[in-house]
Structures are given as structure tokens and as C-alpha cells.
Amino acid sequence: MRSTMFLTVTLNAALDLTYRVRRLEPHASHRIREVTERPGGKGLNVARVLAALGHGATVTGFVGGGTGEELRGHLAGEPGVRDALVPVSGTTRRTVGVVDETTGDTTQFNEPGPHVSPAEWTAFLGAYRELLREDVRAVALCGSLPPGVPVGAYAALVREARAAGVPALLDTSGEPLRRGLAARPELIKPNAQELADITGTTDPLRAARGAQRRGARSVAASLGADGMLLVTPDGLWHADPVERLAGNPTGAGDSAVAALLSGLAEGLAWRDMLARAVALSAATVRAPAAGEFDADTYARLLPLVRISEPEEPDVPA
């Protein structure tokens, strides 16, 4: 295990259940062929991928109730992942992904998170500040906000990271993302729709430049079948999708975050960081559950990723 240590924040952690059925049909009963249970939520998935890449990772966020105890029990068995979750009185949510083995498609069901009181939020902020004082190379702030957490929560966490000299990667959506931009995160990783929602334009490059003007230093935009766009102060790059792989896409974006976060801390060249993110994201589709990737697929795809440098639009967003 290398000494590089990362911090991931999952304010709305979950216990992830993955069901595999032969064919998913509405209004029908289904016999589940396989059940996988994992600690989940975007930041926890990021930490597990980082650990698989050989990096130490500490996870924090909220956890509570019987489901929270199950989550922590699973987390205790994850090598390279340290549990620094903060207890709350509510119960951690569950998510259920149903994989149709005939088509390879996944249908996702997400419970709401526990209500977080003002006192619990204040306690978390104190714990977060303490974690930032450790040997943290970068922090990932990931996912939705549970009820009760202020909508400007990620903006506050980005500011705390900046004050501690720790680069912050923000991966959320909607108003939490919009407000988080004003705190000037080092990098954001929205998908195309999330980027359009906060900028008002559907052109990914124009939208990414708009997000930069709103405060993001760099933007890595997932474009689905069109690959990934990376816009930085040093230039812009586009990665074509390597190939379409059948499997479970849940967690593919989290693997991309792990690739980008590790690349930031390692000082990786931007185009190499982008190639790592695309290959790792694709390899996640071949894994049985979020927070994992198929190592052989990753090794095969990494040298195949095609990187180009798109032209800047003539008219600003």
C-alpha cells in the first residue's frame, strides 16, 4: 500500500444491494439469482476503487441505525479503507440495483437518507476539519445531501479544504453543485445533464467554460456514449469511449472520480488523467458491484483510449 492518503465525503451513505434476475419484467414476480451487498454511496465507492489502485483512503459522512451498522461491518472488511463516519440518530438508507441479465441493463431504487439535525451537522464539520489536518493529498465530496443538511453544505466543505491547502473534487448536482462552484473547487465531475442544469446550455464545452466562470478551476464532464470532456486552465481534451461493454454501469462515474483524484495527487498530465478515468470507468461496468472494477479490462483498455483536443467555440457560453 502506497502512503498517499485520500479523504472521501459521503453525506448520504447507503447500503447497496444488487439483485440479478434473468429478465426484469413490470408487474411480474422475479426469482433473484444472486444478491450482492456492499457499503455504498458515491464517496464510499470512490474510496474502494482508490484502495484497489493501491492508495489509502479515509471515508467520512453520516451513518446510523441498523443499516448503518451493517454498512460499517462490511466496511471493516475493506482493505485500505479507513472508517471515519460520523454517527447520527437516523437510519442509513439502502439502494437497490436490479440487473437484467438478458439485456445487461440496471434499474436503480434509492431510499431517502436520514434526517440530519443542526447539531449533527456541526459535529460533522468539526470531525471534517480534524481529518483535513491529517496527511490528506486530496478530498472528494460526493453525492446527494440527506434531509436537514444545508443546501450550501458542499460550498462550506470546499472552503474548509481550501483553508487546509487540500485540493477538492466536487461530484454532485443541482443547487448543491451550483453553490459549491462559488467556493472554487479544484475540479468538478458532472454529467452532461448536470452541467446543463447549472449553466443553461446543452453544449458541453460551452457549459464547462460557464462552470469555470462560476468558480470551478477544472471540469471533467461525463458525456455518456460520447465519452468524457476535460476542460482545465491548461487546455481542453476529449476522450472517445473505448468500446461499449455489457454489464452493470452503477458506480462507473465513481471510478472516474477515483481516477481523477489519484491523478491530481500524483501530478499526472491532464490527458493521462483523462485516459485513466475513461478506462477505469469502462472497466467498472464489467465488475459485479459499484466500487469495483475488472483489473484485466482496465489494463487492456487504458492504452486504447483516444484523446483529442477540440477547438474552442468562437462565442462564449
Protein backbone atom coordinates (compact mmCIF):
# COMPACT_ATOMS: atom_id res chain seq x y z
CA MET A 1 0.00 0.00 0.00
CA ARG A 2 1.45 3.37 -1.03
CA SER A 3 1.43 6.17 1.53
CA THR A 4 -0.77 8.56 -0.48
CA MET A 5 -3.92 9.16 1.57
CA PHE A 6 -7.22 10.45 0.28
CA LEU A 7 -10.37 11.59 2.03
CA THR A 8 -13.82 10.96 0.58
CA VAL A 9 -17.02 12.51 1.93
CA THR A 10 -20.39 10.74 1.52
CA LEU A 11 -23.03 12.73 3.35
CA ASN A 12 -25.79 10.36 2.15
CA ALA A 13 -24.08 6.97 2.52
CA ALA A 14 -26.05 3.81 1.73
CA LEU A 15 -26.03 0.07 1.99
CA ASP A 16 -26.01 -1.04 -1.66
CA LEU A 17 -27.93 -4.16 -2.63
CA THR A 18 -27.53 -5.56 -6.15
CA TYR A 19 -30.07 -8.14 -7.36
CA ARG A 20 -29.50 -10.14 -10.53
CA VAL A 21 -32.54 -11.56 -12.35
CA ARG A 22 -32.78 -13.42 -15.63
CA ARG A 23 -35.17 -10.83 -17.09
CA LEU A 24 -36.81 -7.80 -15.45
CA GLU A 25 -40.50 -7.54 -16.35
CA PRO A 26 -43.01 -5.00 -14.98
CA HIS A 27 -45.91 -6.37 -12.92
CA ALA A 28 -44.22 -9.77 -12.56
CA SER A 29 -42.66 -11.77 -9.73
CA HIS A 30 -38.93 -12.40 -10.04
CA ARG A 31 -36.61 -15.03 -8.68
CA ILE A 32 -33.35 -13.38 -7.67
CA ARG A 33 -30.38 -15.35 -8.97
CA GLU A 34 -27.68 -13.54 -6.99
CA VAL A 35 -27.51 -10.90 -4.23
CA THR A 36 -24.50 -8.63 -3.61
CA GLU A 37 -24.36 -6.38 -0.54
CA ARG A 38 -21.78 -3.59 -0.27
CA PRO A 39 -21.13 -0.32 1.59
CA GLY A 40 -22.32 2.33 -0.83
CA GLY A 41 -22.79 5.96 -1.68
CA LYS A 42 -20.57 7.71 -4.20
CA GLY A 43 -17.70 8.62 -1.88
CA LEU A 44 -17.51 5.11 -0.42
CA ASN A 45 -17.36 3.69 -3.93
CA VAL A 46 -14.56 6.14 -4.77
CA ALA A 47 -12.60 5.06 -1.68
CA ARG A 48 -12.89 1.36 -2.52
CA VAL A 49 -11.60 1.98 -6.06
CA LEU A 50 -8.74 4.10 -4.72
CA ALA A 51 -7.80 1.27 -2.35
CA ALA A 52 -7.86 -1.21 -5.24
CA LEU A 53 -5.47 1.11 -7.10
CA GLY A 54 -3.08 0.94 -4.14
CA HIS A 55 -3.94 4.17 -2.32
CA GLY A 56 -5.06 4.60 1.28
CA ALA A 57 -8.47 6.22 1.68
CA THR A 58 -10.44 7.52 4.66
CA VAL A 59 -14.22 7.74 4.37
CA THR A 60 -16.42 10.12 6.30
CA GLY A 61 -20.03 11.22 6.22
CA PHE A 62 -23.09 10.18 8.20
CA VAL A 63 -24.10 6.70 9.34
CA GLY A 64 -26.87 5.48 11.65
CA GLY A 65 -29.28 2.75 12.73
CA GLY A 66 -29.19 -0.96 11.99
CA THR A 67 -28.47 -0.41 8.30
CA GLY A 68 -25.55 1.80 9.29
CA GLU A 69 -24.17 -0.97 11.49
CA GLU A 70 -24.36 -3.39 8.57
CA LEU A 71 -22.59 -0.87 6.35
CA ARG A 72 -19.77 -0.41 8.87
CA GLY A 73 -19.45 -4.17 9.24
CA HIS A 74 -18.86 -4.52 5.51
CA LEU A 75 -16.51 -1.53 5.52
CA ALA A 76 -14.37 -3.16 8.20
CA GLY A 77 -13.50 -5.88 5.71
CA GLU A 78 -12.34 -3.46 3.00
CA PRO A 79 -8.51 -3.37 2.87
CA GLY A 80 -7.04 0.10 2.54
CA VAL A 81 -10.26 1.88 3.58
CA ARG A 82 -10.45 3.60 6.97
CA ASP A 83 -13.86 4.27 8.59
CA ALA A 84 -14.27 7.81 9.97
CA LEU A 85 -18.06 8.00 9.53
CA VAL A 86 -19.96 10.21 11.99
CA PRO A 87 -22.98 8.67 13.79
CA VAL A 88 -26.46 10.22 13.56
CA SER A 89 -29.74 9.25 15.22
CA GLY A 90 -31.48 8.43 11.92
CA THR A 91 -31.09 5.28 9.85
CA THR A 92 -28.74 4.96 6.87
CA ARG A 93 -30.58 4.44 3.60
CA ARG A 94 -30.45 1.46 1.26
CA THR A 95 -30.18 1.41 -2.52
CA VAL A 96 -31.29 -1.49 -4.67
CA GLY A 97 -29.98 -2.12 -8.17
CA VAL A 98 -31.73 -4.80 -10.23
CA VAL A 99 -29.61 -6.18 -13.06
CA ASP A 100 -31.44 -7.68 -16.04
CA GLU A 101 -29.06 -10.43 -17.20
CA THR A 102 -30.73 -10.66 -20.61
CA THR A 103 -30.08 -7.04 -21.57
CA GLY A 104 -27.37 -6.09 -19.08
CA ASP A 105 -29.43 -3.05 -18.04
CA THR A 106 -29.72 -2.00 -14.38
CA THR A 107 -32.79 -0.48 -12.71
CA GLN A 108 -31.97 1.54 -9.58
CA PHE A 109 -34.09 2.24 -6.48
CA ASN A 110 -32.75 4.77 -3.94
CA GLU A 111 -34.22 5.34 -0.49
CA PRO A 112 -34.08 8.83 1.08
CA GLY A 113 -31.37 9.39 3.66
CA PRO A 114 -31.75 10.03 7.41
CA HIS A 115 -32.68 13.47 8.69
CA VAL A 116 -29.58 15.24 9.99
CA SER A 117 -30.06 17.75 12.83
CA PRO A 118 -28.18 21.07 13.07
CA ALA A 119 -26.18 19.67 16.00
CA GLU A 120 -25.20 16.60 13.97
CA TRP A 121 -24.12 18.78 11.04
CA THR A 122 -22.00 20.91 13.39
CA ALA A 123 -20.41 17.77 14.85
CA PHE A 124 -19.59 16.57 11.34
CA LEU A 125 -17.92 19.87 10.42
CA GLY A 126 -15.66 19.54 13.46
CA ALA A 127 -14.71 15.97 12.55
CA TYR A 128 -14.08 17.00 8.92
CA ARG A 129 -11.72 19.81 9.96
CA GLU A 130 -9.74 17.35 12.08
CA LEU A 131 -9.45 14.90 9.17
CA LEU A 132 -8.19 17.66 6.87
CA ARG A 133 -5.31 18.26 9.29
CA GLU A 134 -4.02 14.75 8.62
CA ASP A 135 -1.78 13.84 5.66
CA VAL A 136 -4.57 14.24 3.09
CA ARG A 137 -3.49 14.70 -0.53
CA ALA A 138 -6.97 15.43 -1.92
CA VAL A 139 -10.62 15.20 -0.90
CA ALA A 140 -13.65 14.03 -2.92
CA LEU A 141 -17.04 15.50 -1.97
CA CYS A 142 -19.64 13.20 -3.47
CA GLY A 143 -23.33 12.60 -3.91
CA SER A 144 -26.66 13.92 -2.70
CA LEU A 145 -27.46 15.67 0.56
CA PRO A 146 -29.60 13.91 3.19
CA PRO A 147 -32.58 15.80 4.65
CA GLY A 148 -31.60 18.52 7.12
CA VAL A 149 -28.14 19.22 5.69
CA PRO A 150 -27.85 22.83 4.40
CA VAL A 151 -28.01 23.17 0.63
CA GLY A 152 -24.72 25.08 0.79
CA ALA A 153 -23.00 22.20 2.60
CA TYR A 154 -20.56 21.41 -0.18
CA ALA A 155 -19.58 25.05 -0.53
CA ALA A 156 -18.68 25.04 3.17
CA LEU A 157 -16.68 21.82 2.79
CA VAL A 158 -14.79 23.13 -0.25
CA ARG A 159 -13.88 26.29 1.68
CA GLU A 160 -12.62 24.21 4.61
CA ALA A 161 -10.47 22.15 2.24
CA ARG A 162 -9.05 25.26 0.60
CA ALA A 163 -8.19 26.72 4.01
CA ALA A 164 -6.33 23.49 4.81
CA GLY A 165 -4.48 23.53 1.47
CA VAL A 166 -6.22 20.33 0.26
CA PRO A 167 -7.48 20.13 -3.37
CA ALA A 168 -11.22 19.36 -3.52
CA LEU A 169 -13.06 17.42 -6.22
CA LEU A 170 -16.83 18.01 -6.18
CA ASP A 171 -19.24 15.44 -7.64
CA THR A 172 -22.84 16.42 -7.01
CA SER A 173 -25.70 18.08 -8.89
CA GLY A 174 -28.38 20.76 -8.81
CA GLU A 175 -28.33 23.56 -6.25
CA PRO A 176 -25.62 21.94 -4.07
CA LEU A 177 -23.34 21.95 -7.13
CA ARG A 178 -24.31 25.48 -8.13
CA ARG A 179 -23.48 26.80 -4.66
CA GLY A 180 -20.39 24.64 -4.39
CA LEU A 181 -18.91 26.27 -7.51
CA ALA A 182 -18.70 29.63 -5.75
CA ALA A 183 -16.25 28.12 -3.22
CA ARG A 184 -13.85 27.37 -6.12
CA PRO A 185 -13.29 23.60 -6.09
CA GLU A 186 -10.20 22.32 -7.89
CA LEU A 187 -12.27 20.01 -10.11
CA ILE A 188 -15.92 19.08 -10.66
CA LYS A 189 -17.23 15.96 -12.39
CA PRO A 190 -20.81 16.45 -13.59
CA ASN A 191 -22.52 14.56 -16.38
CA ALA A 192 -23.81 16.46 -19.41
CA GLN A 193 -27.31 16.99 -17.97
CA GLU A 194 -25.99 18.16 -14.58
CA LEU A 195 -23.71 20.61 -16.35
CA ALA A 196 -26.58 21.91 -18.49
CA ASP A 197 -28.79 22.34 -15.43
CA ILE A 198 -26.37 24.71 -13.71
CA THR A 199 -25.27 26.69 -16.79
CA GLY A 200 -28.35 26.77 -19.02
CA THR A 201 -26.54 25.48 -22.12
CA THR A 202 -26.55 21.97 -23.57
CA ASP A 203 -23.26 22.35 -25.45
CA PRO A 204 -20.79 20.54 -23.15
CA LEU A 205 -17.76 22.71 -23.95
CA ARG A 206 -19.63 25.99 -23.56
CA ALA A 207 -21.24 24.66 -20.37
CA ALA A 208 -17.86 23.63 -18.97
CA ARG A 209 -16.45 27.09 -19.62
CA GLY A 210 -19.54 28.51 -17.92
CA ALA A 211 -18.88 26.34 -14.86
CA GLN A 212 -15.30 27.63 -14.78
CA ARG A 213 -16.53 31.22 -14.77
CA ARG A 214 -18.79 30.31 -11.85
CA GLY A 215 -15.80 29.09 -9.83
CA ALA A 216 -14.62 25.61 -10.87
CA ARG A 217 -10.94 25.53 -11.74
CA SER A 218 -11.35 22.47 -13.98
CA VAL A 219 -14.32 20.46 -15.28
CA ALA A 220 -14.46 16.77 -16.20
CA ALA A 221 -17.81 16.18 -17.90
CA SER A 222 -19.13 12.67 -18.48
CA LEU A 223 -20.84 12.60 -21.88
CA GLY A 224 -22.22 9.06 -21.85
CA ALA A 225 -21.87 7.47 -25.27
CA ASP A 226 -19.80 10.49 -26.40
CA GLY A 227 -17.01 9.87 -23.89
CA MET A 228 -15.61 12.47 -21.49
CA LEU A 229 -14.56 16.12 -21.81
CA LEU A 230 -11.86 17.67 -19.62
CA VAL A 231 -11.56 21.47 -19.52
CA THR A 232 -8.70 22.98 -17.47
CA PRO A 233 -6.74 26.24 -17.27
CA ASP A 234 -4.01 24.47 -19.25
CA GLY A 235 -6.13 23.26 -22.15
CA LEU A 236 -9.02 21.01 -23.08
CA TRP A 237 -9.21 17.37 -24.11
CA HIS A 238 -11.86 14.91 -25.21
CA ALA A 239 -11.69 11.14 -24.75
CA ASP A 240 -13.68 8.89 -27.04
CA PRO A 241 -15.45 5.91 -25.46
CA VAL A 242 -13.23 2.85 -25.79
CA GLU A 243 -15.93 0.29 -26.52
CA ARG A 244 -19.44 -0.48 -25.33
CA LEU A 245 -19.31 -3.17 -22.64
CA ALA A 246 -22.26 -5.15 -21.32
CA GLY A 247 -22.64 -5.20 -17.56
CA ASN A 248 -23.62 -3.06 -14.57
CA PRO A 249 -22.83 0.67 -15.11
CA THR A 250 -23.62 1.59 -11.48
CA GLY A 251 -20.52 3.17 -9.97
CA ALA A 252 -18.76 3.86 -13.28
CA GLY A 253 -18.78 7.59 -12.58
CA ASP A 254 -17.37 6.97 -9.10
CA SER A 255 -14.46 5.08 -10.63
CA ALA A 256 -13.83 8.06 -12.89
CA VAL A 257 -13.70 10.26 -9.78
CA ALA A 258 -11.16 7.90 -8.19
CA ALA A 259 -9.02 8.08 -11.33
CA LEU A 260 -9.16 11.88 -11.43
CA LEU A 261 -8.49 12.24 -7.70
CA SER A 262 -5.46 9.95 -7.81
CA GLY A 263 -4.21 11.75 -10.90
CA LEU A 264 -4.47 15.13 -9.16
CA ALA A 265 -2.44 13.92 -6.19
CA GLU A 266 0.15 12.20 -8.38
CA GLY A 267 0.65 15.25 -10.61
CA LEU A 268 -0.41 13.21 -13.65
CA ALA A 269 -0.61 15.02 -17.00
CA TRP A 270 -4.18 16.03 -17.79
CA ARG A 271 -4.53 13.81 -20.86
CA ASP A 272 -3.16 10.81 -18.94
CA MET A 273 -5.58 11.53 -16.11
CA LEU A 274 -8.45 11.61 -18.61
CA ALA A 275 -7.38 8.31 -20.18
CA ARG A 276 -7.23 6.71 -16.73
CA ALA A 277 -10.73 7.98 -15.89
CA VAL A 278 -12.29 6.67 -19.11
CA ALA A 279 -10.62 3.24 -18.96
CA LEU A 280 -11.37 2.75 -15.27
CA SER A 281 -14.97 3.83 -15.72
CA ALA A 282 -15.43 1.34 -18.55
CA ALA A 283 -13.79 -1.46 -16.56
CA THR A 284 -16.27 -0.85 -13.73
CA VAL A 285 -19.12 -1.98 -15.98
CA ARG A 286 -17.54 -5.45 -16.02
CA ALA A 287 -17.47 -5.70 -12.20
CA PRO A 288 -20.32 -7.24 -10.18
CA ALA A 289 -20.98 -4.17 -7.98
CA ALA A 290 -20.26 -0.46 -7.60
CA GLY A 291 -16.90 0.36 -6.06
CA GLU A 292 -15.14 -2.39 -8.01
CA PHE A 293 -13.54 -2.70 -11.44
CA ASP A 294 -12.22 -5.52 -13.59
CA ALA A 295 -8.43 -5.15 -13.48
CA ASP A 296 -7.78 -7.07 -16.70
CA THR A 297 -10.31 -4.96 -18.62
CA TYR A 298 -8.76 -1.78 -17.23
CA ALA A 299 -5.25 -2.83 -18.26
CA ARG A 300 -6.48 -3.75 -21.75
CA LEU A 301 -8.46 -0.55 -22.33
CA LEU A 302 -6.06 2.04 -20.92
CA PRO A 303 -3.69 2.14 -23.94
CA LEU A 304 -6.67 2.14 -26.31
CA VAL A 305 -8.25 5.39 -25.10
CA ARG A 306 -8.15 8.03 -27.86
CA ILE A 307 -7.55 11.62 -26.71
CA SER A 308 -8.18 14.65 -28.95
CA GLU A 309 -8.07 18.43 -28.43
CA PRO A 310 -11.35 20.01 -29.56
CA GLU A 311 -11.47 23.54 -30.92
CA GLU A 312 -12.65 26.34 -28.63
CA PRO A 313 -16.07 27.76 -29.59
CA ASP A 314 -15.99 31.23 -31.17
CA VAL A 315 -18.80 32.55 -28.97
CA PRO A 316 -18.56 32.22 -25.17
CA ALA A 317 -21.32 30.45 -23.22
